[in-house]
PDB file of N, CA and C in Angstrom:
ATOM      1  N   UNK A   1     194.206  78.048 114.404  1.00  0.00           N
ATOM      2  CA  UNK A   1     193.437  77.251 113.568  1.00  0.00           C
ATOM      3  C   UNK A   1     193.454  75.477 113.639  1.00  0.00           C
ATOM      4  N   UNK A   2     192.544  75.055 113.306  1.00  0.00           N
ATOM      5  CA  UNK A   2     192.471  73.309 113.155  1.00  0.00           C
ATOM      6  C   UNK A   2     193.235  72.870 112.269  1.00  0.00           C
ATOM      7  N   UNK A   3     194.014  71.890 111.943  1.00  0.00           N
ATOM      8  CA  UNK A   3     194.449  70.891 110.984  1.00  0.00           C
ATOM      9  C   UNK A   3     193.687  69.947 111.304  1.00  0.00           C
ATOM     10  N   UNK A   4     192.781  68.551 110.098  1.00  0.00           N
ATOM     11  CA  UNK A   4     192.339  67.585 110.140  1.00  0.00           C
ATOM     12  C   UNK A   4     192.825  67.111 109.092  1.00  0.00           C
ATOM     13  N   UNK A   5     193.122  65.855 109.468  1.00  0.00           N
ATOM     14  CA  UNK A   5     193.910  64.851 108.702  1.00  0.00           C
ATOM     15  C   UNK A   5     192.977  63.160 109.106  1.00  0.00           C
ATOM     16  N   UNK A   6     192.281  62.814 108.206  1.00  0.00           N
ATOM     17  CA  UNK A   6     191.869  62.011 107.607  1.00  0.00           C
ATOM     18  C   UNK A   6     192.381  60.706 107.114  1.00  0.00           C
ATOM     19  N   UNK A   7     192.915  59.762 108.367  1.00  0.00           N
ATOM     20  CA  UNK A   7     193.770  58.462 107.850  1.00  0.00           C
ATOM     21  C   UNK A   7     193.184  57.236 107.948  1.00  0.00           C
ATOM     22  N   UNK A   8     193.367  56.187 106.983  1.00  0.00           N
ATOM     23  CA  UNK A   8     193.027  55.308 106.621  1.00  0.00           C
ATOM     24  C   UNK A   8     193.798  54.290 106.765  1.00  0.00           C
ATOM     25  N   UNK A   9     193.715  53.532 108.361  1.00  0.00           N
ATOM     26  CA  UNK A   9     194.657  52.418 108.594  1.00  0.00           C
ATOM     27  C   UNK A   9     194.585  51.250 108.211  1.00  0.00           C
ATOM     28  N   UNK A  10     193.578  51.235 107.660  1.00  0.00           N
ATOM     29  CA  UNK A  10     193.246  49.596 106.782  1.00  0.00           C
ATOM     30  C   UNK A  10     192.151  49.923 106.073  1.00  0.00           C
ATOM     31  N   UNK A  11     191.994  49.308 104.867  1.00  0.00           N
ATOM     32  CA  UNK A  11     190.698  49.124 103.774  1.00  0.00           C
ATOM     33  C   UNK A  11     190.003  48.058 104.446  1.00  0.00           C
ATOM     34  N   UNK A  12     190.564  47.034 105.162  1.00  0.00           N
ATOM     35  CA  UNK A  12     189.603  45.323 105.545  1.00  0.00           C
ATOM     36  C   UNK A  12     188.508  46.327 106.362  1.00  0.00           C
ATOM     37  N   UNK A  13     187.662  45.405 106.096  1.00  0.00           N
ATOM     38  CA  UNK A  13     186.279  45.560 107.040  1.00  0.00           C
ATOM     39  C   UNK A  13     185.753  44.232 107.602  1.00  0.00           C
ATOM     40  N   UNK A  14     185.504  44.255 108.848  1.00  0.00           N
ATOM     41  CA  UNK A  14     184.723  43.000 109.244  1.00  0.00           C
ATOM     42  C   UNK A  14     183.232  42.939 108.493  1.00  0.00           C
ATOM     43  N   UNK A  15     182.377  43.561 108.143  1.00  0.00           N
ATOM     44  CA  UNK A  15     181.035  43.106 107.751  1.00  0.00           C
ATOM     45  C   UNK A  15     181.568  43.039 105.969  1.00  0.00           C
ATOM     46  N   UNK A  16     180.367  42.804 105.817  1.00  0.00           N
ATOM     47  CA  UNK A  16     180.373  42.148 104.079  1.00  0.00           C
ATOM     48  C   UNK A  16     179.411  42.989 103.285  1.00  0.00           C
ATOM     49  N   UNK A  17     179.202  44.206 103.577  1.00  0.00           N
ATOM     50  CA  UNK A  17     178.015  44.591 102.848  1.00  0.00           C
ATOM     51  C   UNK A  17     178.117  44.613 101.474  1.00  0.00           C
ATOM     52  N   UNK A  18     176.924  44.659 100.860  1.00  0.00           N
ATOM     53  CA  UNK A  18     177.131  44.638  99.474  1.00  0.00           C
ATOM     54  C   UNK A  18     177.470  45.553  98.612  1.00  0.00           C
ATOM     55  N   UNK A  19     177.150  46.938  99.140  1.00  0.00           N
ATOM     56  CA  UNK A  19     177.212  47.820  98.550  1.00  0.00           C
ATOM     57  C   UNK A  19     178.877  48.487  98.256  1.00  0.00           C
ATOM     58  N   UNK A  20     179.401  48.038  99.127  1.00  0.00           N
ATOM     59  CA  UNK A  20     181.075  48.103  99.443  1.00  0.00           C
ATOM     60  C   UNK A  20     181.751  48.010  98.360  1.00  0.00           C
ATOM     61  N   UNK A  21     182.656  48.839  97.787  1.00  0.00           N
ATOM     62  CA  UNK A  21     183.362  48.738  96.367  1.00  0.00           C
ATOM     63  C   UNK A  21     184.794  48.668  97.091  1.00  0.00           C
ATOM     64  N   UNK A  22     185.305  48.414  98.080  1.00  0.00           N
ATOM     65  CA  UNK A  22     186.597  48.283  98.833  1.00  0.00           C
ATOM     66  C   UNK A  22     187.294  46.950  98.960  1.00  0.00           C
ATOM     67  N   UNK A  23     187.939  46.566  97.722  1.00  0.00           N
ATOM     68  CA  UNK A  23     188.175  45.269  97.636  1.00  0.00           C
ATOM     69  C   UNK A  23     189.573  45.138  97.537  1.00  0.00           C
ATOM     70  N   UNK A  24     190.458  46.265  98.022  1.00  0.00           N
ATOM     71  CA  UNK A  24     192.111  46.108  97.723  1.00  0.00           C
ATOM     72  C   UNK A  24     192.905  45.099  98.399  1.00  0.00           C
ATOM     73  N   UNK A  25     193.784  44.434  97.801  1.00  0.00           N
ATOM     74  CA  UNK A  25     194.403  43.632  99.004  1.00  0.00           C
ATOM     75  C   UNK A  25     195.851  43.963  99.102  1.00  0.00           C
ATOM     76  N   UNK A  26     196.390  44.727  98.454  1.00  0.00           N
ATOM     77  CA  UNK A  26     198.062  45.377  98.175  1.00  0.00           C
ATOM     78  C   UNK A  26     198.041  44.943  99.840  1.00  0.00           C
ATOM     79  N   UNK A  27     198.270  45.712 100.668  1.00  0.00           N
ATOM     80  CA  UNK A  27     198.699  46.053 101.844  1.00  0.00           C
ATOM     81  C   UNK A  27     197.424  46.299 102.812  1.00  0.00           C
ATOM     82  N   UNK A  28     196.908  45.227 103.489  1.00  0.00           N
ATOM     83  CA  UNK A  28     195.788  45.512 104.318  1.00  0.00           C
ATOM     84  C   UNK A  28     195.709  46.390 105.588  1.00  0.00           C
ATOM     85  N   UNK A  29     197.112  46.571 106.111  1.00  0.00           N
ATOM     86  CA  UNK A  29     197.071  47.637 107.284  1.00  0.00           C
ATOM     87  C   UNK A  29     198.270  48.319 107.042  1.00  0.00           C
ATOM     88  N   UNK A  30     197.953  49.337 107.729  1.00  0.00           N
ATOM     89  CA  UNK A  30     199.051  50.634 107.485  1.00  0.00           C
ATOM     90  C   UNK A  30     200.588  49.773 108.347  1.00  0.00           C
ATOM     91  N   UNK A  31     201.314  50.185 107.994  1.00  0.00           N
ATOM     92  CA  UNK A  31     202.909  49.939 108.416  1.00  0.00           C
ATOM     93  C   UNK A  31     202.783  50.763 109.593  1.00  0.00           C
ATOM     94  N   UNK A  32     203.981  50.207 110.383  1.00  0.00           N
ATOM     95  CA  UNK A  32     204.366  50.912 111.718  1.00  0.00           C
ATOM     96  C   UNK A  32     205.281  51.945 111.413  1.00  0.00           C
ATOM     97  N   UNK A  33     205.701  51.570 110.177  1.00  0.00           N
ATOM     98  CA  UNK A  33     206.850  52.795 109.650  1.00  0.00           C
ATOM     99  C   UNK A  33     206.358  54.205 108.953  1.00  0.00           C
ATOM    100  N   UNK A  34     205.092  53.543 108.311  1.00  0.00           N
ATOM    101  CA  UNK A  34     204.310  54.463 107.416  1.00  0.00           C
ATOM    102  C   UNK A  34     203.483  54.876 108.286  1.00  0.00           C
ATOM    103  N   UNK A  35     202.836  54.878 109.473  1.00  0.00           N
ATOM    104  CA  UNK A  35     202.004  55.666 110.406  1.00  0.00           C
ATOM    105  C   UNK A  35     203.249  56.610 111.011  1.00  0.00           C
ATOM    106  N   UNK A  36     204.222  56.063 111.401  1.00  0.00           N
ATOM    107  CA  UNK A  36     204.804  57.410 111.884  1.00  0.00           C
ATOM    108  C   UNK A  36     205.507  57.909 110.930  1.00  0.00           C
ATOM    109  N   UNK A  37     205.545  58.194 110.003  1.00  0.00           N
ATOM    110  CA  UNK A  37     205.896  59.043 108.716  1.00  0.00           C
ATOM    111  C   UNK A  37     204.477  60.002 108.670  1.00  0.00           C
ATOM    112  N   UNK A  38     203.253  59.197 108.665  1.00  0.00           N
ATOM    113  CA  UNK A  38     202.152  60.099 108.044  1.00  0.00           C
ATOM    114  C   UNK A  38     202.209  61.525 109.630  1.00  0.00           C
ATOM    115  N   UNK A  39     202.179  60.678 110.687  1.00  0.00           N
ATOM    116  CA  UNK A  39     202.234  61.469 111.843  1.00  0.00           C
ATOM    117  C   UNK A  39     203.145  62.475 111.945  1.00  0.00           C
ATOM    118  N   UNK A  40     204.371  62.133 111.514  1.00  0.00           N
ATOM    119  CA  UNK A  40     205.643  63.093 111.767  1.00  0.00           C
ATOM    120  C   UNK A  40     205.522  64.163 110.297  1.00  0.00           C
ATOM    121  N   UNK A  41     204.915  63.549 109.279  1.00  0.00           N
ATOM    122  CA  UNK A  41     204.775  64.691 108.384  1.00  0.00           C
ATOM    123  C   UNK A  41     203.528  65.688 108.508  1.00  0.00           C
ATOM    124  N   UNK A  42     202.585  64.978 109.212  1.00  0.00           N
ATOM    125  CA  UNK A  42     201.267  65.915 109.564  1.00  0.00           C
ATOM    126  C   UNK A  42     201.792  67.367 110.283  1.00  0.00           C
ATOM    127  N   UNK A  43     202.423  66.572 111.633  1.00  0.00           N
ATOM    128  CA  UNK A  43     202.838  67.576 112.590  1.00  0.00           C
ATOM    129  C   UNK A  43     203.893  68.686 111.927  1.00  0.00           C
ATOM    130  N   UNK A  44     205.043  68.046 110.976  1.00  0.00           N
ATOM    131  CA  UNK A  44     205.803  68.637 110.413  1.00  0.00           C
ATOM    132  C   UNK A  44     205.449  69.983 109.844  1.00  0.00           C
ATOM    133  N   UNK A  45     204.413  69.866 108.965  1.00  0.00           N
ATOM    134  CA  UNK A  45     203.532  70.213 108.352  1.00  0.00           C
ATOM    135  C   UNK A  45     202.616  71.584 108.861  1.00  0.00           C
ATOM    136  N   UNK A  46     202.106  71.135 110.074  1.00  0.00           N
ATOM    137  CA  UNK A  46     201.540  72.265 110.897  1.00  0.00           C
ATOM    138  C   UNK A  46     202.693  73.023 111.283  1.00  0.00           C
ATOM    139  N   UNK A  47     203.538  72.925 111.848  1.00  0.00           N
ATOM    140  CA  UNK A  47     204.872  73.872 112.676  1.00  0.00           C
ATOM    141  C   UNK A  47     205.220  74.302 111.465  1.00  0.00           C
ATOM    142  N   UNK A  48     205.133  74.120 110.511  1.00  0.00           N
ATOM    143  CA  UNK A  48     206.112  75.041 109.041  1.00  0.00           C
ATOM    144  C   UNK A  48     205.273  76.022 109.043  1.00  0.00           C
ATOM    145  N   UNK A  49     203.689  75.934 108.777  1.00  0.00           N
ATOM    146  CA  UNK A  49     203.211  76.759 108.526  1.00  0.00           C
ATOM    147  C   UNK A  49     202.416  78.065 109.283  1.00  0.00           C
ATOM    148  N   UNK A  50     202.795  77.263 110.699  1.00  0.00           N
ATOM    149  CA  UNK A  50     202.807  78.171 111.674  1.00  0.00           C
ATOM    150  C   UNK A  50     201.207  78.853 111.985  1.00  0.00           C
ATOM    151  N   UNK A  51     200.149  78.426 111.453  1.00  0.00           N
ATOM    152  CA  UNK A  51     198.683  78.970 111.548  1.00  0.00           C
ATOM    153  C   UNK A  51     197.981  78.100 112.229  1.00  0.00           C
ATOM    154  N   UNK A  52     198.776  76.532 112.240  1.00  0.00           N
ATOM    155  CA  UNK A  52     197.994  75.408 113.172  1.00  0.00           C
ATOM    156  C   UNK A  52     198.331  75.300 114.302  1.00  0.00           C
ATOM    157  N   UNK A  53     197.251  75.995 115.765  1.00  0.00           N
ATOM    158  CA  UNK A  53     197.542  75.420 116.839  1.00  0.00           C
ATOM    159  C   UNK A  53     197.136  74.058 117.279  1.00  0.00           C
ATOM    160  N   UNK A  54     196.286  73.170 116.413  1.00  0.00           N
ATOM    161  CA  UNK A  54     195.695  71.791 116.946  1.00  0.00           C
ATOM    162  C   UNK A  54     195.627  71.256 115.440  1.00  0.00           C
ATOM    163  N   UNK A  55     195.759  69.958 115.983  1.00  0.00           N
ATOM    164  CA  UNK A  55     195.675  68.593 115.135  1.00  0.00           C
ATOM    165  C   UNK A  55     194.369  67.826 115.007  1.00  0.00           C
ATOM    166  N   UNK A  56     193.113  67.563 114.427  1.00  0.00           N
ATOM    167  CA  UNK A  56     192.388  66.410 114.626  1.00  0.00           C
ATOM    168  C   UNK A  56     192.749  65.449 113.560  1.00  0.00           C
ATOM    169  N   UNK A  57     193.079  64.166 113.887  1.00  0.00           N
ATOM    170  CA  UNK A  57     193.264  63.034 113.251  1.00  0.00           C
ATOM    171  C   UNK A  57     191.891  61.841 113.741  1.00  0.00           C
ATOM    172  N   UNK A  58     191.483  61.702 112.572  1.00  0.00           N
ATOM    173  CA  UNK A  58     190.208  61.277 112.452  1.00  0.00           C
ATOM    174  C   UNK A  58     190.660  59.400 111.639  1.00  0.00           C
ATOM    175  N   UNK A  59     190.231  58.472 112.529  1.00  0.00           N
ATOM    176  CA  UNK A  59     190.566  57.457 111.969  1.00  0.00           C
ATOM    177  C   UNK A  59     189.743  56.503 111.418  1.00  0.00           C
ATOM    178  N   UNK A  60     189.653  55.935 109.843  1.00  0.00           N
ATOM    179  CA  UNK A  60     188.802  55.957 108.929  1.00  0.00           C
ATOM    180  C   UNK A  60     188.829  54.744 108.739  1.00  0.00           C
ATOM    181  N   UNK A  61     188.289  53.675 107.841  1.00  0.00           N
ATOM    182  CA  UNK A  61     188.491  52.630 106.979  1.00  0.00           C
ATOM    183  C   UNK A  61     187.762  52.204 105.749  1.00  0.00           C
ATOM    184  N   UNK A  62     187.766  51.305 105.385  1.00  0.00           N
ATOM    185  CA  UNK A  62     187.375  50.035 106.048  1.00  0.00           C
ATOM    186  C   UNK A  62     186.890  50.304 107.669  1.00  0.00           C
ATOM    187  N   UNK A  63     187.658  49.496 108.359  1.00  0.00           N
ATOM    188  CA  UNK A  63     187.088  49.100 109.639  1.00  0.00           C
ATOM    189  C   UNK A  63     188.359  49.885 110.721  1.00  0.00           C
ATOM    190  N   UNK A  64     188.535  50.987 111.073  1.00  0.00           N
ATOM    191  CA  UNK A  64     189.681  51.228 111.802  1.00  0.00           C
ATOM    192  C   UNK A  64     190.102  50.674 112.899  1.00  0.00           C
ATOM    193  N   UNK A  65     188.870  49.894 113.593  1.00  0.00           N
ATOM    194  CA  UNK A  65     189.725  49.016 114.819  1.00  0.00           C
ATOM    195  C   UNK A  65     190.006  47.827 114.688  1.00  0.00           C
ATOM    196  N   UNK A  66     190.510  47.107 113.277  1.00  0.00           N
ATOM    197  CA  UNK A  66     190.970  45.894 112.857  1.00  0.00           C
ATOM    198  C   UNK A  66     192.616  45.815 113.184  1.00  0.00           C
ATOM    199  N   UNK A  67     192.989  46.852 112.908  1.00  0.00           N
ATOM    200  CA  UNK A  67     194.510  46.969 113.279  1.00  0.00           C
ATOM    201  C   UNK A  67     194.789  46.532 114.840  1.00  0.00           C
ATOM    202  N   UNK A  68     193.590  46.731 115.877  1.00  0.00           N
ATOM    203  CA  UNK A  68     193.658  46.398 117.019  1.00  0.00           C
ATOM    204  C   UNK A  68     194.478  47.907 118.352  1.00  0.00           C
ATOM    205  N   UNK A  69     194.283  47.728 119.445  1.00  0.00           N
ATOM    206  CA  UNK A  69     194.750  48.751 120.210  1.00  0.00           C
ATOM    207  C   UNK A  69     196.405  48.707 120.291  1.00  0.00           C
ATOM    208  N   UNK A  70     196.708  48.369 119.934  1.00  0.00           N
ATOM    209  CA  UNK A  70     198.047  48.420 119.970  1.00  0.00           C
ATOM    210  C   UNK A  70     198.729  48.924 118.989  1.00  0.00           C
ATOM    211  N   UNK A  71     197.709  49.620 117.729  1.00  0.00           N
ATOM    212  CA  UNK A  71     198.346  50.021 116.563  1.00  0.00           C
ATOM    213  C   UNK A  71     197.897  51.490 117.183  1.00  0.00           C
ATOM    214  N   UNK A  72     196.972  51.669 118.113  1.00  0.00           N
ATOM    215  CA  UNK A  72     196.498  53.080 118.252  1.00  0.00           C
ATOM    216  C   UNK A  72     197.423  53.488 119.520  1.00  0.00           C
ATOM    217  N   UNK A  73     197.932  52.842 119.947  1.00  0.00           N
ATOM    218  CA  UNK A  73     199.326  52.915 121.323  1.00  0.00           C
ATOM    219  C   UNK A  73     200.391  53.265 120.695  1.00  0.00           C
ATOM    220  N   UNK A  74     200.730  52.935 119.719  1.00  0.00           N
ATOM    221  CA  UNK A  74     201.759  53.391 118.584  1.00  0.00           C
ATOM    222  C   UNK A  74     201.543  54.869 118.140  1.00  0.00           C
ATOM    223  N   UNK A  75     200.023  54.984 117.649  1.00  0.00           N
ATOM    224  CA  UNK A  75     199.696  56.323 117.096  1.00  0.00           C
ATOM    225  C   UNK A  75     199.855  56.938 118.437  1.00  0.00           C
ATOM    226  N   UNK A  76     199.257  57.577 119.378  1.00  0.00           N
ATOM    227  CA  UNK A  76     199.705  58.090 120.519  1.00  0.00           C
ATOM    228  C   UNK A  76     201.559  58.614 121.166  1.00  0.00           C
ATOM    229  N   UNK A  77     201.700  57.324 121.026  1.00  0.00           N
ATOM    230  CA  UNK A  77     203.613  57.539 120.901  1.00  0.00           C
ATOM    231  C   UNK A  77     203.889  58.281 119.991  1.00  0.00           C
ATOM    232  N   UNK A  78     203.589  58.236 118.539  1.00  0.00           N
ATOM    233  CA  UNK A  78     204.038  58.766 117.452  1.00  0.00           C
ATOM    234  C   UNK A  78     203.875  60.452 117.982  1.00  0.00           C
ATOM    235  N   UNK A  79     202.947  60.714 117.943  1.00  0.00           N
ATOM    236  CA  UNK A  79     201.861  61.969 118.114  1.00  0.00           C
ATOM    237  C   UNK A  79     202.596  62.648 119.507  1.00  0.00           C
ATOM    238  N   UNK A  80     203.080  61.776 120.420  1.00  0.00           N
ATOM    239  CA  UNK A  80     203.749  62.247 121.604  1.00  0.00           C
ATOM    240  C   UNK A  80     205.087  62.989 121.319  1.00  0.00           C
ATOM    241  N   UNK A  81     205.860  61.870 120.302  1.00  0.00           N
ATOM    242  CA  UNK A  81     207.230  62.322 119.758  1.00  0.00           C
ATOM    243  C   UNK A  81     207.371  63.361 118.702  1.00  0.00           C
ATOM    244  N   UNK A  82     206.397  63.737 118.058  1.00  0.00           N
ATOM    245  CA  UNK A  82     206.087  64.816 117.097  1.00  0.00           C
ATOM    246  C   UNK A  82     205.240  65.771 116.706  1.00  0.00           C
ATOM    247  N   UNK A  83     204.558  66.146 117.778  1.00  0.00           N
ATOM    248  CA  UNK A  83     203.648  67.081 118.342  1.00  0.00           C
ATOM    249  C   UNK A  83     204.527  68.595 118.151  1.00  0.00           C
ATOM    250  N   UNK A  84     205.645  68.338 118.847  1.00  0.00           N
ATOM    251  CA  UNK A  84     205.880  69.863 119.269  1.00  0.00           C
ATOM    252  C   UNK A  84     205.630  70.896 119.676  1.00  0.00           C
ATOM    253  N   UNK A  85     204.374  70.575 121.174  1.00  0.00           N
ATOM    254  CA  UNK A  85     203.903  71.847 121.673  1.00  0.00           C
ATOM    255  C   UNK A  85     202.323  71.771 120.883  1.00  0.00           C
ATOM    256  N   UNK A  86     202.092  71.225 119.459  1.00  0.00           N
ATOM    257  CA  UNK A  86     200.436  71.580 119.083  1.00  0.00           C
ATOM    258  C   UNK A  86     199.947  70.566 119.437  1.00  0.00           C
ATOM    259  N   UNK A  87     198.671  71.044 120.011  1.00  0.00           N
ATOM    260  CA  UNK A  87     197.597  69.993 120.937  1.00  0.00           C
ATOM    261  C   UNK A  87     196.843  69.190 119.265  1.00  0.00           C
ATOM    262  N   UNK A  88     196.467  68.213 119.978  1.00  0.00           N
ATOM    263  CA  UNK A  88     195.671  67.049 119.182  1.00  0.00           C
ATOM    264  C   UNK A  88     194.843  66.301 119.765  1.00  0.00           C
ATOM    265  N   UNK A  89     193.831  66.000 118.836  1.00  0.00           N
ATOM    266  CA  UNK A  89     192.825  65.091 119.439  1.00  0.00           C
ATOM    267  C   UNK A  89     192.581  63.790 118.138  1.00  0.00           C
ATOM    268  N   UNK A  90     192.229  62.587 119.017  1.00  0.00           N
ATOM    269  CA  UNK A  90     191.952  61.721 117.901  1.00  0.00           C
ATOM    270  C   UNK A  90     190.366  61.084 117.598  1.00  0.00           C
ATOM    271  N   UNK A  91     190.377  60.506 116.726  1.00  0.00           N
ATOM    272  CA  UNK A  91     188.586  60.055 116.360  1.00  0.00           C
ATOM    273  C   UNK A  91     188.497  59.179 115.923  1.00  0.00           C
ATOM    274  N   UNK A  92     187.713  57.957 116.015  1.00  0.00           N
ATOM    275  CA  UNK A  92     187.333  56.584 115.318  1.00  0.00           C
ATOM    276  C   UNK A  92     185.960  57.196 114.695  1.00  0.00           C
ATOM    277  N   UNK A  93     186.113  56.464 113.074  1.00  0.00           N
ATOM    278  CA  UNK A  93     185.064  56.512 112.235  1.00  0.00           C
ATOM    279  C   UNK A  93     184.610  55.135 112.389  1.00  0.00           C
ATOM    280  N   UNK A  94     183.881  54.182 113.006  1.00  0.00           N
ATOM    281  CA  UNK A  94     184.089  53.479 113.222  1.00  0.00           C
ATOM    282  C   UNK A  94     182.287  52.178 113.029  1.00  0.00           C
ATOM    283  N   UNK A  95     182.022  50.978 112.759  1.00  0.00           N
ATOM    284  CA  UNK A  95     180.850  50.442 112.451  1.00  0.00           C
ATOM    285  C   UNK A  95     179.992  50.296 114.011  1.00  0.00           C
ATOM    286  N   UNK A  96     181.044  50.182 114.855  1.00  0.00           N
ATOM    287  CA  UNK A  96     180.521  49.736 116.125  1.00  0.00           C
ATOM    288  C   UNK A  96     180.460  48.660 116.809  1.00  0.00           C
ATOM    289  N   UNK A  97     181.126  47.324 115.723  1.00  0.00           N
ATOM    290  CA  UNK A  97     181.026  45.990 115.905  1.00  0.00           C
ATOM    291  C   UNK A  97     182.242  45.762 116.647  1.00  0.00           C
ATOM    292  N   UNK A  98     183.195  46.341 116.897  1.00  0.00           N
ATOM    293  CA  UNK A  98     184.204  45.712 117.716  1.00  0.00           C
ATOM    294  C   UNK A  98     184.841  46.490 118.887  1.00  0.00           C
ATOM    295  N   UNK A  99     183.891  47.418 119.422  1.00  0.00           N
ATOM    296  CA  UNK A  99     183.852  48.106 120.500  1.00  0.00           C
ATOM    297  C   UNK A  99     184.060  47.178 121.760  1.00  0.00           C
ATOM    298  N   UNK A 100     184.521  47.587 122.706  1.00  0.00           N
ATOM    299  CA  UNK A 100     184.711  46.563 123.947  1.00  0.00           C
ATOM    300  C   UNK A 100     184.924  47.078 125.034  1.00  0.00           C
ATOM    301  N   UNK A 101     184.992  46.817 126.392  1.00  0.00           N
ATOM    302  CA  UNK A 101     185.292  47.526 127.513  1.00  0.00           C
ATOM    303  C   UNK A 101     186.715  47.957 127.440  1.00  0.00           C
ATOM    304  N   UNK A 102     187.491  47.154 127.060  1.00  0.00           N
ATOM    305  CA  UNK A 102     188.594  47.047 126.838  1.00  0.00           C
ATOM    306  C   UNK A 102     189.349  48.753 125.697  1.00  0.00           C
ATOM    307  N   UNK A 103     188.587  48.725 124.575  1.00  0.00           N
ATOM    308  CA  UNK A 103     188.320  49.796 123.764  1.00  0.00           C
ATOM    309  C   UNK A 103     188.088  51.132 124.805  1.00  0.00           C
ATOM    310  N   UNK A 104     187.009  51.268 125.269  1.00  0.00           N
ATOM    311  CA  UNK A 104     186.585  52.578 125.921  1.00  0.00           C
ATOM    312  C   UNK A 104     186.977  52.527 126.796  1.00  0.00           C
ATOM    313  N   UNK A 105     188.180  52.054 127.926  1.00  0.00           N
ATOM    314  CA  UNK A 105     189.069  52.293 128.639  1.00  0.00           C
ATOM    315  C   UNK A 105     190.097  52.987 128.241  1.00  0.00           C
ATOM    316  N   UNK A 106     190.544  52.442 126.675  1.00  0.00           N
ATOM    317  CA  UNK A 106     191.354  52.746 126.571  1.00  0.00           C
ATOM    318  C   UNK A 106     191.255  54.212 125.786  1.00  0.00           C
ATOM    319  N   UNK A 107     190.019  54.685 125.085  1.00  0.00           N
ATOM    320  CA  UNK A 107     189.581  55.762 125.007  1.00  0.00           C
ATOM    321  C   UNK A 107     189.592  56.753 126.009  1.00  0.00           C
ATOM    322  N   UNK A 108     189.378  56.301 126.975  1.00  0.00           N
ATOM    323  CA  UNK A 108     188.990  56.867 128.252  1.00  0.00           C
ATOM    324  C   UNK A 108     190.483  57.881 128.633  1.00  0.00           C
ATOM    325  N   UNK A 109     191.378  56.784 128.393  1.00  0.00           N
ATOM    326  CA  UNK A 109     192.743  56.982 129.183  1.00  0.00           C
ATOM    327  C   UNK A 109     193.641  57.853 128.338  1.00  0.00           C
ATOM    328  N   UNK A 110     193.384  58.140 127.156  1.00  0.00           N
ATOM    329  CA  UNK A 110     194.281  58.696 125.866  1.00  0.00           C
ATOM    330  C   UNK A 110     193.497  59.947 125.394  1.00  0.00           C
ATOM    331  N   UNK A 111     193.988  60.222 124.675  1.00  0.00           N
ATOM    332  CA  UNK A 111     193.785  61.656 123.822  1.00  0.00           C
ATOM    333  C   UNK A 111     192.916  61.236 122.637  1.00  0.00           C
ATOM    334  N   UNK A 112     191.909  60.250 123.136  1.00  0.00           N
ATOM    335  CA  UNK A 112     190.661  59.887 121.902  1.00  0.00           C
ATOM    336  C   UNK A 112     189.498  60.659 122.431  1.00  0.00           C
ATOM    337  N   UNK A 113     188.802  60.788 121.278  1.00  0.00           N
ATOM    338  CA  UNK A 113     187.288  61.343 121.002  1.00  0.00           C
ATOM    339  C   UNK A 113     186.340  60.203 121.365  1.00  0.00           C
ATOM    340  N   UNK A 114     185.237  60.432 121.709  1.00  0.00           N
ATOM    341  CA  UNK A 114     184.424  59.139 121.544  1.00  0.00           C
ATOM    342  C   UNK A 114     184.079  58.939 120.199  1.00  0.00           C
ATOM    343  N   UNK A 115     183.710  57.512 119.839  1.00  0.00           N
ATOM    344  CA  UNK A 115     183.878  57.328 118.023  1.00  0.00           C
ATOM    345  C   UNK A 115     183.017  57.747 117.641  1.00  0.00           C
ATOM    346  N   UNK A 116     183.013  57.918 116.240  1.00  0.00           N
ATOM    347  CA  UNK A 116     182.108  58.048 115.484  1.00  0.00           C
ATOM    348  C   UNK A 116     181.166  56.695 114.817  1.00  0.00           C
ATOM    349  N   UNK A 117     180.225  56.524 114.513  1.00  0.00           N
ATOM    350  CA  UNK A 117     179.428  55.380 114.612  1.00  0.00           C
ATOM    351  C   UNK A 117     178.560  55.508 113.046  1.00  0.00           C
ATOM    352  N   UNK A 118     179.075  54.734 112.322  1.00  0.00           N
ATOM    353  CA  UNK A 118     178.805  54.525 111.127  1.00  0.00           C
ATOM    354  C   UNK A 118     177.449  53.676 111.071  1.00  0.00           C
ATOM    355  N   UNK A 119     176.362  53.499 110.151  1.00  0.00           N
ATOM    356  CA  UNK A 119     175.200  52.740 110.210  1.00  0.00           C
ATOM    357  C   UNK A 119     175.402  51.801 108.752  1.00  0.00           C
ATOM    358  N   UNK A 120     176.186  51.022 109.248  1.00  0.00           N
ATOM    359  CA  UNK A 120     176.366  50.125 107.873  1.00  0.00           C
ATOM    360  C   UNK A 120     175.648  48.488 108.236  1.00  0.00           C
ATOM    361  N   UNK A 121     174.604  49.090 107.072  1.00  0.00           N
ATOM    362  CA  UNK A 121     173.733  47.865 107.304  1.00  0.00           C
ATOM    363  C   UNK A 121     173.730  47.064 106.137  1.00  0.00           C
ATOM    364  N   UNK A 122     173.553  45.956 106.641  1.00  0.00           N
ATOM    365  CA  UNK A 122     173.660  44.739 105.149  1.00  0.00           C
ATOM    366  C   UNK A 122     172.533  44.686 104.630  1.00  0.00           C
ATOM    367  N   UNK A 123     172.767  45.083 102.921  1.00  0.00           N
ATOM    368  CA  UNK A 123     171.822  45.071 102.271  1.00  0.00           C
ATOM    369  C   UNK A 123     171.855  44.217 101.073  1.00  0.00           C
TER     370      UNK A 123
END
């Protein structure tokens, strides 16, 4: 069975869509400490329930690429540290404006699926 965890590492966005309701400024990017706790708690839950063989992390936002590739290098390091034999997959839901060759190389190298693209139109 698959466990899906949708995580919002930032509420910030690089677009200014008029329909967007998100103007929260408390903590613009998830801290590494909270990121580690979130990943650890996800795998602890999956291991504790003993029915999950797979965890699907969906990184959502805001724009989840604003924290940068180094943020996701930490994601993978924490997942390797806490997965305890449970397989996992990562996916980004992005507006696509920050996709670069470096990001594509990173996605290809590690355990990320191709990004889910949203159509954020300036209206």
